[in-house]
Amino acid sequence: MSDSEFTWYAPTDSPFDLQGFAWFERDRVYNRLPRNFPKPFRPELENLALNTAGGQIRFRTDSAQVAVRVTLIAPPAMGHMPATGQAGFDCYVGELGRQRYAGVTRFDVQLSSYESVLMQAPDRDMRSLTLNFPLYQGVQEVLVGLEPDAQLLPPLPYPDPRPVIVYGTSITQGGCASRPGMAYTNLLSRWLQRPFINLGFSGNGRGDAEIAEALAEIPNPAAYVLDYQANAGLEGLQATLDPFLDILRSAHASVPVLVVSRIRYAAEMLDPAVEQARQQASDFQAEVVARRVQAGDSALHFLDGTELLGPDFDECTVDGVHPTDLGFMRMATGLRPALETVLSPH
């Protein structure tokens, strides 16, 4: 079947389930921050919010082939991250908790629009699918292509529809996964069978008060994860962590918050000052959490990210900082039990 023989559907319409864009129902754009927020965001954040990291399209179909037709804001242009991760979609198939990778878009990286078949199966069984949005590029439009006579049904609901909201840096955003499904928030979404909202902003996870206020207005959160040490450093954390937590707590006094210190960089192998700086910032976050727990915030937690990548941490990145798929798998594996603990009813 050629791409032109598909029937095309907008994932913004029923019966699709669109996840990862907290303000989509209001703004009707694939944007990770709200439009016309009362307090303006920095221009860098406005631009990065157009990157669609964490977006998902969920549905069921008996189509043996599934395709996408995509119009990007711009072609992929990063030299150290695969175009499939920057600007591609990938596809997972199977029931909740058991979805497996089925395909990724292939396209001309010099163009800002493409059509690509994501899944090709030999039969017409009813299947549950999740399509993951690009991590480091904006999407103006995406259409889902199914065989003309295929059924299209809503996905099975998540056991708990409340989102886990993750705030952080380029690492949170998914740099430099080879494809979208390998970003740690997407891994955890599959494993924990619940929606995640990815608010990682490359180079700009600096604890902005406006971002905290935006996070606080997302309704009915299951938990927050704060993973922004890599951009803020010790001085930035000293200036922002308590105020950031105060804003979250003013809106959600008992929602679990997990503060995560950053992973190790390869430079720590050669430069003890890099390791020392990381450890000082990690210790500061642990002290803030301990102090606030002592003051009565029993829903606040800390996870030391030092060992998330394991003893061979230097082998888990592209450039000494940003994880490969191996690095993201290890991060998600280490974060999973901590999140399961904070999300479990007490």
Foldseek 3Di string as FASTA:
>chain_A
DDPVQWDKAFLVDPPKDKFQQLCCVPPVFLFNFDPPDVDDDDPLLRVQRLFNAQIKIKWKKLFQWKKKKFAWPAFDDDDLAASQQAFKKWKWKAAQQDTDTAAIADDDRRDRIDMGIHHHHPGRDIIIMMIGGHLRTGTGGMIMTGRPPMDIGHHDAFPDAAEEEEEAESLLSPPHERHRCLRLQNVLCRNVRYGYHGHYRHLPRQQDLSVLLRVLPRPRHQEYEYEYCVNHFQVSCVVHVVVSVVSNCVRPVQRAYEYEQDEFFPCCVPDVVSVVRSVVSLVVVVVVQVVVVVVPRVRYYYDYNHALLHPVNHVQPRHRHHGYSSSSVSNNVVCNVVVVVSSDDD
